[in-house]
Amino acid sequence: IVQMHVKYTSSKDSVLFNSFGMPQPITMEVPESQFKGSFEEALKEFSAGDSGQFLIAADSIFRAEFGAPRPKFIDSGSFLKFTVKILKDEKKEA
């Protein structure tokens, strides 16, 4: 379970989502990875207090993670840039 702020932008720097200005951070249980190089796979490399940026193929993330077709304004073959700041992480109790 991760508490974080996240921002993601298109390859042309259009902001698609940004929680950094929101009053509450995003809290989510990190599910199993949907594909090699996924958002979940990247998150598992971070710990509380870490921040960083990574790129994910737009075609893959829209198809596998967002469950939606890639919008026409995002080029096929491009990448989305994610900026994350992990505020808290905790292991799920078994």
PDB file of N, CA and C in Angstrom:
ATOM      1  N   ILE A   1       0.864  -1.175   0.000  1.00  0.00           N
ATOM      2  CA  ILE A   1       0.000   0.000   0.000  1.00  0.00           C
ATOM      3  C   ILE A   1       0.902   1.227   0.000  1.00  0.00           C
ATOM      4  N   VAL A   2       0.671   2.106  -0.944  1.00  0.00           N
ATOM      5  CA  VAL A   2       1.527   3.264  -1.145  1.00  0.00           C
ATOM      6  C   VAL A   2       0.694   4.537  -1.053  1.00  0.00           C
ATOM      7  N   GLN A   3       1.261   5.536  -0.393  1.00  0.00           N
ATOM      8  CA  GLN A   3       0.668   6.875  -0.370  1.00  0.00           C
ATOM      9  C   GLN A   3       1.659   7.756  -1.125  1.00  0.00           C
ATOM     10  N   MET A   4       1.178   8.448  -2.148  1.00  0.00           N
ATOM     11  CA  MET A   4       2.098   9.166  -3.028  1.00  0.00           C
ATOM     12  C   MET A   4       1.414  10.336  -3.703  1.00  0.00           C
ATOM     13  N   HIS A   5       2.251  11.164  -4.287  1.00  0.00           N
ATOM     14  CA  HIS A   5       1.797  12.149  -5.257  1.00  0.00           C
ATOM     15  C   HIS A   5       2.369  11.696  -6.588  1.00  0.00           C
ATOM     16  N   VAL A   6       1.605  11.890  -7.634  1.00  0.00           N
ATOM     17  CA  VAL A   6       2.032  11.482  -8.967  1.00  0.00           C
ATOM     18  C   VAL A   6       1.557  12.501  -9.993  1.00  0.00           C
ATOM     19  N   LYS A   7       2.396  12.696 -10.976  1.00  0.00           N
ATOM     20  CA  LYS A   7       2.061  13.556 -12.113  1.00  0.00           C
ATOM     21  C   LYS A   7       2.491  12.798 -13.358  1.00  0.00           C
ATOM     22  N   TYR A   8       1.655  12.810 -14.377  1.00  0.00           N
ATOM     23  CA  TYR A   8       2.118  12.248 -15.635  1.00  0.00           C
ATOM     24  C   TYR A   8       1.759  13.157 -16.792  1.00  0.00           C
ATOM     25  N   THR A   9       2.701  13.191 -17.722  1.00  0.00           N
ATOM     26  CA  THR A   9       2.608  14.087 -18.870  1.00  0.00           C
ATOM     27  C   THR A   9       2.857  13.309 -20.153  1.00  0.00           C
ATOM     28  N   SER A  10       2.365  13.870 -21.247  1.00  0.00           N
ATOM     29  CA  SER A  10       2.623  13.279 -22.562  1.00  0.00           C
ATOM     30  C   SER A  10       4.046  13.621 -22.989  1.00  0.00           C
ATOM     31  N   SER A  11       4.469  13.053 -24.086  1.00  0.00           N
ATOM     32  CA  SER A  11       5.811  13.350 -24.613  1.00  0.00           C
ATOM     33  C   SER A  11       5.930  14.808 -25.058  1.00  0.00           C
ATOM     34  N   LYS A  12       4.780  15.473 -25.203  1.00  0.00           N
ATOM     35  CA  LYS A  12       4.776  16.888 -25.576  1.00  0.00           C
ATOM     36  C   LYS A  12       4.539  17.784 -24.358  1.00  0.00           C
ATOM     37  N   ASP A  13       4.718  17.213 -23.162  1.00  0.00           N
ATOM     38  CA  ASP A  13       4.586  17.917 -21.874  1.00  0.00           C
ATOM     39  C   ASP A  13       3.178  18.381 -21.541  1.00  0.00           C
ATOM     40  N   SER A  14       2.160  17.805 -22.146  1.00  0.00           N
ATOM     41  CA  SER A  14       0.785  18.082 -21.726  1.00  0.00           C
ATOM     42  C   SER A  14       0.533  17.325 -20.426  1.00  0.00           C
ATOM     43  N   VAL A  15       0.066  18.017 -19.406  1.00  0.00           N
ATOM     44  CA  VAL A  15      -0.211  17.368 -18.126  1.00  0.00           C
ATOM     45  C   VAL A  15      -1.520  16.592 -18.239  1.00  0.00           C
ATOM     46  N   LEU A  16      -1.446  15.285 -18.005  1.00  0.00           N
ATOM     47  CA  LEU A  16      -2.620  14.427 -18.077  1.00  0.00           C
ATOM     48  C   LEU A  16      -3.232  14.211 -16.693  1.00  0.00           C
ATOM     49  N   PHE A  17      -2.402  14.233 -15.665  1.00  0.00           N
ATOM     50  CA  PHE A  17      -2.862  14.086 -14.290  1.00  0.00           C
ATOM     51  C   PHE A  17      -1.791  14.645 -13.373  1.00  0.00           C
ATOM     52  N   ASN A  18      -2.230  15.299 -12.267  1.00  0.00           N
ATOM     53  CA  ASN A  18      -1.273  15.843 -11.308  1.00  0.00           C
ATOM     54  C   ASN A  18      -1.922  15.903  -9.929  1.00  0.00           C
ATOM     55  N   SER A  19      -1.423  15.071  -9.013  1.00  0.00           N
ATOM     56  CA  SER A  19      -1.968  15.076  -7.647  1.00  0.00           C
ATOM     57  C   SER A  19      -1.156  15.964  -6.710  1.00  0.00           C
ATOM     58  N   PHE A  20      -0.044  16.529  -7.176  1.00  0.00           N
ATOM     59  CA  PHE A  20       0.817  17.329  -6.299  1.00  0.00           C
ATOM     60  C   PHE A  20       0.090  18.543  -5.718  1.00  0.00           C
ATOM     61  N   GLY A  21      -0.888  19.084  -6.405  1.00  0.00           N
ATOM     62  CA  GLY A  21      -1.623  20.236  -5.900  1.00  0.00           C
ATOM     63  C   GLY A  21      -2.890  19.862  -5.142  1.00  0.00           C
ATOM     64  N   MET A  22      -3.179  18.586  -5.051  1.00  0.00           N
ATOM     65  CA  MET A  22      -4.392  18.138  -4.369  1.00  0.00           C
ATOM     66  C   MET A  22      -4.162  18.099  -2.860  1.00  0.00           C
ATOM     67  N   PRO A  23      -5.235  18.301  -2.090  1.00  0.00           N
ATOM     68  CA  PRO A  23      -5.086  18.308  -0.629  1.00  0.00           C
ATOM     69  C   PRO A  23      -4.698  16.941  -0.054  1.00  0.00           C
ATOM     70  N   GLN A  24      -5.121  15.864  -0.699  1.00  0.00           N
ATOM     71  CA  GLN A  24      -4.806  14.518  -0.215  1.00  0.00           C
ATOM     72  C   GLN A  24      -3.976  13.769  -1.258  1.00  0.00           C
ATOM     73  N   PRO A  25      -2.973  13.029  -0.802  1.00  0.00           N
ATOM     74  CA  PRO A  25      -2.205  12.215  -1.750  1.00  0.00           C
ATOM     75  C   PRO A  25      -3.027  11.017  -2.232  1.00  0.00           C
ATOM     76  N   ILE A  26      -2.527  10.359  -3.221  1.00  0.00           N
ATOM     77  CA  ILE A  26      -3.128   9.142  -3.756  1.00  0.00           C
ATOM     78  C   ILE A  26      -2.711   7.988  -2.845  1.00  0.00           C
ATOM     79  N   THR A  27      -3.663   7.149  -2.473  1.00  0.00           N
ATOM     80  CA  THR A  27      -3.357   5.945  -1.713  1.00  0.00           C
ATOM     81  C   THR A  27      -3.846   4.765  -2.530  1.00  0.00           C
ATOM     82  N   MET A  28      -2.962   3.792  -2.738  1.00  0.00           N
ATOM     83  CA  MET A  28      -3.363   2.627  -3.530  1.00  0.00           C
ATOM     84  C   MET A  28      -2.602   1.386  -3.105  1.00  0.00           C
ATOM     85  N   GLU A  29      -3.255   0.268  -3.257  1.00  0.00           N
ATOM     86  CA  GLU A  29      -2.577  -1.010  -3.104  1.00  0.00           C
ATOM     87  C   GLU A  29      -1.927  -1.288  -4.449  1.00  0.00           C
ATOM     88  N   VAL A  30      -0.655  -1.567  -4.448  1.00  0.00           N
ATOM     89  CA  VAL A  30       0.066  -1.791  -5.701  1.00  0.00           C
ATOM     90  C   VAL A  30      -0.206  -3.218  -6.170  1.00  0.00           C
ATOM     91  N   PRO A  31      -0.948  -3.369  -7.269  1.00  0.00           N
ATOM     92  CA  PRO A  31      -1.255  -4.714  -7.775  1.00  0.00           C
ATOM     93  C   PRO A  31      -0.060  -5.317  -8.515  1.00  0.00           C
ATOM     94  N   GLU A  32      -0.234  -6.545  -8.944  1.00  0.00           N
ATOM     95  CA  GLU A  32       0.796  -7.193  -9.750  1.00  0.00           C
ATOM     96  C   GLU A  32       0.976  -6.429 -11.061  1.00  0.00           C
ATOM     97  N   SER A  33       2.163  -6.483 -11.583  1.00  0.00           N
ATOM     98  CA  SER A  33       2.506  -5.793 -12.823  1.00  0.00           C
ATOM     99  C   SER A  33       1.678  -6.340 -13.986  1.00  0.00           C
ATOM    100  N   GLN A  34       1.196  -5.436 -14.828  1.00  0.00           N
ATOM    101  CA  GLN A  34       0.424  -5.811 -16.008  1.00  0.00           C
ATOM    102  C   GLN A  34       1.307  -6.136 -17.215  1.00  0.00           C
ATOM    103  N   PHE A  35       2.536  -5.597 -17.216  1.00  0.00           N
ATOM    104  CA  PHE A  35       3.468  -5.826 -18.315  1.00  0.00           C
ATOM    105  C   PHE A  35       4.854  -5.390 -17.864  1.00  0.00           C
ATOM    106  N   LYS A  36       5.881  -5.858 -18.566  1.00  0.00           N
ATOM    107  CA  LYS A  36       7.254  -5.483 -18.230  1.00  0.00           C
ATOM    108  C   LYS A  36       7.416  -3.975 -18.439  1.00  0.00           C
ATOM    109  N   GLY A  37       7.917  -3.300 -17.404  1.00  0.00           N
ATOM    110  CA  GLY A  37       8.084  -1.856 -17.478  1.00  0.00           C
ATOM    111  C   GLY A  37       6.838  -1.084 -17.081  1.00  0.00           C
ATOM    112  N   SER A  38       5.926  -1.720 -16.347  1.00  0.00           N
ATOM    113  CA  SER A  38       4.659  -1.089 -15.963  1.00  0.00           C
ATOM    114  C   SER A  38       4.838  -0.090 -14.828  1.00  0.00           C
ATOM    115  N   PHE A  39       3.783   0.668 -14.571  1.00  0.00           N
ATOM    116  CA  PHE A  39       3.745   1.617 -13.470  1.00  0.00           C
ATOM    117  C   PHE A  39       3.954   0.892 -12.140  1.00  0.00           C
ATOM    118  N   GLU A  40       3.276  -0.248 -11.970  1.00  0.00           N
ATOM    119  CA  GLU A  40       3.401  -1.029 -10.739  1.00  0.00           C
ATOM    120  C   GLU A  40       4.828  -1.523 -10.528  1.00  0.00           C
ATOM    121  N   GLU A  41       5.439  -1.978 -11.582  1.00  0.00           N
ATOM    122  CA  GLU A  41       6.817  -2.455 -11.505  1.00  0.00           C
ATOM    123  C   GLU A  41       7.751  -1.322 -11.064  1.00  0.00           C
ATOM    124  N   ALA A  42       7.531  -0.145 -11.598  1.00  0.00           N
ATOM    125  CA  ALA A  42       8.355   1.014 -11.218  1.00  0.00           C
ATOM    126  C   ALA A  42       8.122   1.381  -9.762  1.00  0.00           C
ATOM    127  N   LEU A  43       6.862   1.391  -9.315  1.00  0.00           N
ATOM    128  CA  LEU A  43       6.549   1.771  -7.931  1.00  0.00           C
ATOM    129  C   LEU A  43       7.230   0.859  -6.916  1.00  0.00           C
ATOM    130  N   LYS A  44       7.373  -0.405  -7.254  1.00  0.00           N
ATOM    131  CA  LYS A  44       7.975  -1.358  -6.321  1.00  0.00           C
ATOM    132  C   LYS A  44       9.458  -1.085  -6.082  1.00  0.00           C
ATOM    133  N   GLU A  45      10.053  -0.227  -6.890  1.00  0.00           N
ATOM    134  CA  GLU A  45      11.458   0.139  -6.714  1.00  0.00           C
ATOM    135  C   GLU A  45      11.633   1.322  -5.766  1.00  0.00           C
ATOM    136  N   PHE A  46      10.538   1.959  -5.380  1.00  0.00           N
ATOM    137  CA  PHE A  46      10.581   3.135  -4.521  1.00  0.00           C
ATOM    138  C   PHE A  46      10.249   2.774  -3.079  1.00  0.00           C
ATOM    139  N   SER A  47      10.748   3.575  -2.147  1.00  0.00           N
ATOM    140  CA  SER A  47      10.432   3.457  -0.719  1.00  0.00           C
ATOM    141  C   SER A  47       9.955   4.814  -0.226  1.00  0.00           C
ATOM    142  N   ALA A  48       9.428   4.845   0.996  1.00  0.00           N
ATOM    143  CA  ALA A  48       8.967   6.108   1.583  1.00  0.00           C
ATOM    144  C   ALA A  48      10.082   7.140   1.540  1.00  0.00           C
ATOM    145  N   GLY A  49       9.754   8.346   1.099  1.00  0.00           N
ATOM    146  CA  GLY A  49      10.720   9.437   0.994  1.00  0.00           C
ATOM    147  C   GLY A  49      11.384   9.544  -0.371  1.00  0.00           C
ATOM    148  N   ASP A  50      11.270   8.497  -1.188  1.00  0.00           N
ATOM    149  CA  ASP A  50      11.866   8.516  -2.530  1.00  0.00           C
ATOM    150  C   ASP A  50      11.018   9.333  -3.487  1.00  0.00           C
ATOM    151  N   SER A  51      11.671   9.897  -4.474  1.00  0.00           N
ATOM    152  CA  SER A  51      10.973  10.536  -5.580  1.00  0.00           C
ATOM    153  C   SER A  51      11.779  10.278  -6.831  1.00  0.00           C
ATOM    154  N   GLY A  52      11.135  10.369  -7.965  1.00  0.00           N
ATOM    155  CA  GLY A  52      11.842  10.139  -9.214  1.00  0.00           C
ATOM    156  C   GLY A  52      10.917  10.252 -10.401  1.00  0.00           C
ATOM    157  N   GLN A  53      11.508  10.034 -11.565  1.00  0.00           N
ATOM    158  CA  GLN A  53      10.773  10.077 -12.821  1.00  0.00           C
ATOM    159  C   GLN A  53      11.077   8.825 -13.621  1.00  0.00           C
ATOM    160  N   PHE A  54      10.097   8.387 -14.396  1.00  0.00           N
ATOM    161  CA  PHE A  54      10.303   7.258 -15.292  1.00  0.00           C
ATOM    162  C   PHE A  54       9.359   7.389 -16.477  1.00  0.00           C
ATOM    163  N   LEU A  55       9.694   6.704 -17.548  1.00  0.00           N
ATOM    164  CA  LEU A  55       8.901   6.722 -18.782  1.00  0.00           C
ATOM    165  C   LEU A  55       8.242   5.365 -18.982  1.00  0.00           C
ATOM    166  N   ILE A  56       7.012   5.401 -19.467  1.00  0.00           N
ATOM    167  CA  ILE A  56       6.292   4.173 -19.808  1.00  0.00           C
ATOM    168  C   ILE A  56       5.681   4.358 -21.189  1.00  0.00           C
ATOM    169  N   ALA A  57       5.772   3.309 -22.013  1.00  0.00           N
ATOM    170  CA  ALA A  57       5.213   3.366 -23.366  1.00  0.00           C
ATOM    171  C   ALA A  57       3.720   3.671 -23.300  1.00  0.00           C
ATOM    172  N   ALA A  58       3.305   4.724 -23.995  1.00  0.00           N
ATOM    173  CA  ALA A  58       1.902   5.160 -23.975  1.00  0.00           C
ATOM    174  C   ALA A  58       0.964   4.063 -24.464  1.00  0.00           C
ATOM    175  N   ASP A  59       1.325   3.373 -25.535  1.00  0.00           N
ATOM    176  CA  ASP A  59       0.466   2.314 -26.066  1.00  0.00           C
ATOM    177  C   ASP A  59       0.212   1.244 -25.013  1.00  0.00           C
ATOM    178  N   SER A  60       1.260   0.840 -24.309  1.00  0.00           N
ATOM    179  CA  SER A  60       1.137  -0.218 -23.301  1.00  0.00           C
ATOM    180  C   SER A  60       0.308   0.222 -22.113  1.00  0.00           C
ATOM    181  N   ILE A  61       0.557   1.411 -21.606  1.00  0.00           N
ATOM    182  CA  ILE A  61      -0.144   1.825 -20.390  1.00  0.00           C
ATOM    183  C   ILE A  61      -1.626   2.086 -20.645  1.00  0.00           C
ATOM    184  N   PHE A  62      -1.977   2.630 -21.791  1.00  0.00           N
ATOM    185  CA  PHE A  62      -3.402   2.849 -22.057  1.00  0.00           C
ATOM    186  C   PHE A  62      -4.120   1.527 -22.249  1.00  0.00           C
ATOM    187  N   ARG A  63      -3.497   0.597 -22.949  1.00  0.00           N
ATOM    188  CA  ARG A  63      -4.131  -0.693 -23.212  1.00  0.00           C
ATOM    189  C   ARG A  63      -4.220  -1.534 -21.936  1.00  0.00           C
ATOM    190  N   ALA A  64      -3.107  -1.699 -21.219  1.00  0.00           N
ATOM    191  CA  ALA A  64      -3.058  -2.632 -20.094  1.00  0.00           C
ATOM    192  C   ALA A  64      -3.497  -2.033 -18.762  1.00  0.00           C
ATOM    193  N   GLU A  65      -3.169  -0.786 -18.496  1.00  0.00           N
ATOM    194  CA  GLU A  65      -3.429  -0.216 -17.179  1.00  0.00           C
ATOM    195  C   GLU A  65      -4.692   0.642 -17.149  1.00  0.00           C
ATOM    196  N   PHE A  66      -4.859   1.490 -18.131  1.00  0.00           N
ATOM    197  CA  PHE A  66      -6.006   2.389 -18.127  1.00  0.00           C
ATOM    198  C   PHE A  66      -7.245   1.722 -18.724  1.00  0.00           C
ATOM    199  N   GLY A  67      -7.049   0.623 -19.460  1.00  0.00           N
ATOM    200  CA  GLY A  67      -8.169  -0.085 -20.061  1.00  0.00           C
ATOM    201  C   GLY A  67      -8.936   0.760 -21.056  1.00  0.00           C
ATOM    202  N   ALA A  68      -8.227   1.639 -21.737  1.00  0.00           N
ATOM    203  CA  ALA A  68      -8.860   2.555 -22.685  1.00  0.00           C
ATOM    204  C   ALA A  68      -7.952   2.713 -23.893  1.00  0.00           C
ATOM    205  N   PRO A  69      -8.524   3.063 -25.036  1.00  0.00           N
ATOM    206  CA  PRO A  69      -7.674   3.318 -26.190  1.00  0.00           C
ATOM    207  C   PRO A  69      -6.814   4.565 -25.964  1.00  0.00           C
ATOM    208  N   ARG A  70      -5.670   4.584 -26.579  1.00  0.00           N
ATOM    209  CA  ARG A  70      -4.778   5.744 -26.502  1.00  0.00           C
ATOM    210  C   ARG A  70      -5.460   6.925 -27.185  1.00  0.00           C
ATOM    211  N   PRO A  71      -5.542   8.071 -26.505  1.00  0.00           N
ATOM    212  CA  PRO A  71      -6.150   9.256 -27.135  1.00  0.00           C
ATOM    213  C   PRO A  71      -5.374   9.673 -28.388  1.00  0.00           C
ATOM    214  N   LYS A  72      -6.069  10.216 -29.337  1.00  0.00           N
ATOM    215  CA  LYS A  72      -5.438  10.609 -30.614  1.00  0.00           C
ATOM    216  C   LYS A  72      -4.351  11.663 -30.436  1.00  0.00           C
ATOM    217  N   PHE A  73      -4.445  12.503 -29.390  1.00  0.00           N
ATOM    218  CA  PHE A  73      -3.431  13.542 -29.209  1.00  0.00           C
ATOM    219  C   PHE A  73      -2.128  13.005 -28.610  1.00  0.00           C
ATOM    220  N   ILE A  74      -2.110  11.727 -28.246  1.00  0.00           N
ATOM    221  CA  ILE A  74      -0.882  11.087 -27.762  1.00  0.00           C
ATOM    222  C   ILE A  74      -0.392  10.169 -28.874  1.00  0.00           C
ATOM    223  N   ASP A  75       0.802  10.440 -29.367  1.00  0.00           N
ATOM    224  CA  ASP A  75       1.341   9.701 -30.509  1.00  0.00           C
ATOM    225  C   ASP A  75       1.609   8.241 -30.176  1.00  0.00           C
ATOM    226  N   SER A  76       1.286   7.364 -31.133  1.00  0.00           N
ATOM    227  CA  SER A  76       1.638   5.957 -31.007  1.00  0.00           C
ATOM    228  C   SER A  76       3.160   5.855 -30.959  1.00  0.00           C
ATOM    229  N   GLY A  77       3.653   5.007 -30.091  1.00  0.00           N
ATOM    230  CA  GLY A  77       5.106   4.847 -29.967  1.00  0.00           C
ATOM    231  C   GLY A  77       5.747   5.855 -29.023  1.00  0.00           C
ATOM    232  N   SER A  78       4.960   6.787 -28.483  1.00  0.00           N
ATOM    233  CA  SER A  78       5.516   7.777 -27.558  1.00  0.00           C
ATOM    234  C   SER A  78       5.488   7.235 -26.129  1.00  0.00           C
ATOM    235  N   PHE A  79       5.997   8.018 -25.221  1.00  0.00           N
ATOM    236  CA  PHE A  79       6.065   7.636 -23.816  1.00  0.00           C
ATOM    237  C   PHE A  79       5.357   8.668 -22.957  1.00  0.00           C
ATOM    238  N   LEU A  80       4.802   8.210 -21.835  1.00  0.00           N
ATOM    239  CA  LEU A  80       4.296   9.117 -20.814  1.00  0.00           C
ATOM    240  C   LEU A  80       5.381   9.243 -19.755  1.00  0.00           C
ATOM    241  N   LYS A  81       5.571  10.461 -19.251  1.00  0.00           N
ATOM    242  CA  LYS A  81       6.563  10.694 -18.205  1.00  0.00           C
ATOM    243  C   LYS A  81       5.846  10.794 -16.874  1.00  0.00           C
ATOM    244  N   PHE A  82       6.250   9.950 -15.929  1.00  0.00           N
ATOM    245  CA  PHE A  82       5.681   9.919 -14.592  1.00  0.00           C
ATOM    246  C   PHE A  82       6.672  10.514 -13.606  1.00  0.00           C
ATOM    247  N   THR A  83       6.180  11.395 -12.746  1.00  0.00           N
ATOM    248  CA  THR A  83       6.948  11.949 -11.637  1.00  0.00           C
ATOM    249  C   THR A  83       6.228  11.510 -10.375  1.00  0.00           C
ATOM    250  N   VAL A  84       6.932  10.817  -9.480  1.00  0.00           N
ATOM    251  CA  VAL A  84       6.299  10.333  -8.252  1.00  0.00           C
ATOM    252  C   VAL A  84       7.094  10.756  -7.030  1.00  0.00           C
ATOM    253  N   LYS A  85       6.384  10.934  -5.931  1.00  0.00           N
ATOM    254  CA  LYS A  85       6.977  11.166  -4.616  1.00  0.00           C
ATOM    255  C   LYS A  85       6.238  10.241  -3.669  1.00  0.00           C
ATOM    256  N   ILE A  86       6.966   9.278  -3.107  1.00  0.00           N
ATOM    257  CA  ILE A  86       6.372   8.313  -2.191  1.00  0.00           C
ATOM    258  C   ILE A  86       6.394   8.903  -0.779  1.00  0.00           C
ATOM    259  N   LEU A  87       5.216   9.088  -0.219  1.00  0.00           N
ATOM    260  CA  LEU A  87       5.101   9.642   1.123  1.00  0.00           C
ATOM    261  C   LEU A  87       5.135   8.548   2.184  1.00  0.00           C
ATOM    262  N   LYS A  88       4.524   7.424   1.850  1.00  0.00           N
ATOM    263  CA  LYS A  88       4.430   6.339   2.809  1.00  0.00           C
ATOM    264  C   LYS A  88       4.267   5.037   2.053  1.00  0.00           C
ATOM    265  N   ASP A  89       4.916   3.985   2.516  1.00  0.00           N
ATOM    266  CA  ASP A  89       4.656   2.657   1.952  1.00  0.00           C
ATOM    267  C   ASP A  89       4.617   1.667   3.095  1.00  0.00           C
ATOM    268  N   GLU A  90       3.738   0.726   2.963  1.00  0.00           N
ATOM    269  CA  GLU A  90       3.597  -0.279   4.004  1.00  0.00           C
ATOM    270  C   GLU A  90       3.261  -1.606   3.357  1.00  0.00           C
ATOM    271  N   LYS A  91       3.778  -2.637   3.944  1.00  0.00           N
ATOM    272  CA  LYS A  91       3.499  -3.989   3.452  1.00  0.00           C
ATOM    273  C   LYS A  91       2.103  -4.397   3.904  1.00  0.00           C
ATOM    274  N   LYS A  92       1.419  -5.073   3.035  1.00  0.00           N
ATOM    275  CA  LYS A  92       0.075  -5.541   3.375  1.00  0.00           C
ATOM    276  C   LYS A  92       0.199  -6.688   4.368  1.00  0.00           C
ATOM    277  N   GLU A  93      -0.643  -6.635   5.392  1.00  0.00           N
ATOM    278  CA  GLU A  93      -0.649  -7.698   6.399  1.00  0.00           C
ATOM    279  C   GLU A  93      -1.274  -8.937   5.787  1.00  0.00           C
ATOM    280  N   ALA A  94      -0.663 -10.090   6.031  1.00  0.00           N
ATOM    281  CA  ALA A  94      -1.169 -11.350   5.477  1.00  0.00           C
ATOM    282  C   ALA A  94      -2.355 -11.867   6.270  1.00  0.00           C
TER     283      ALA A  94
END
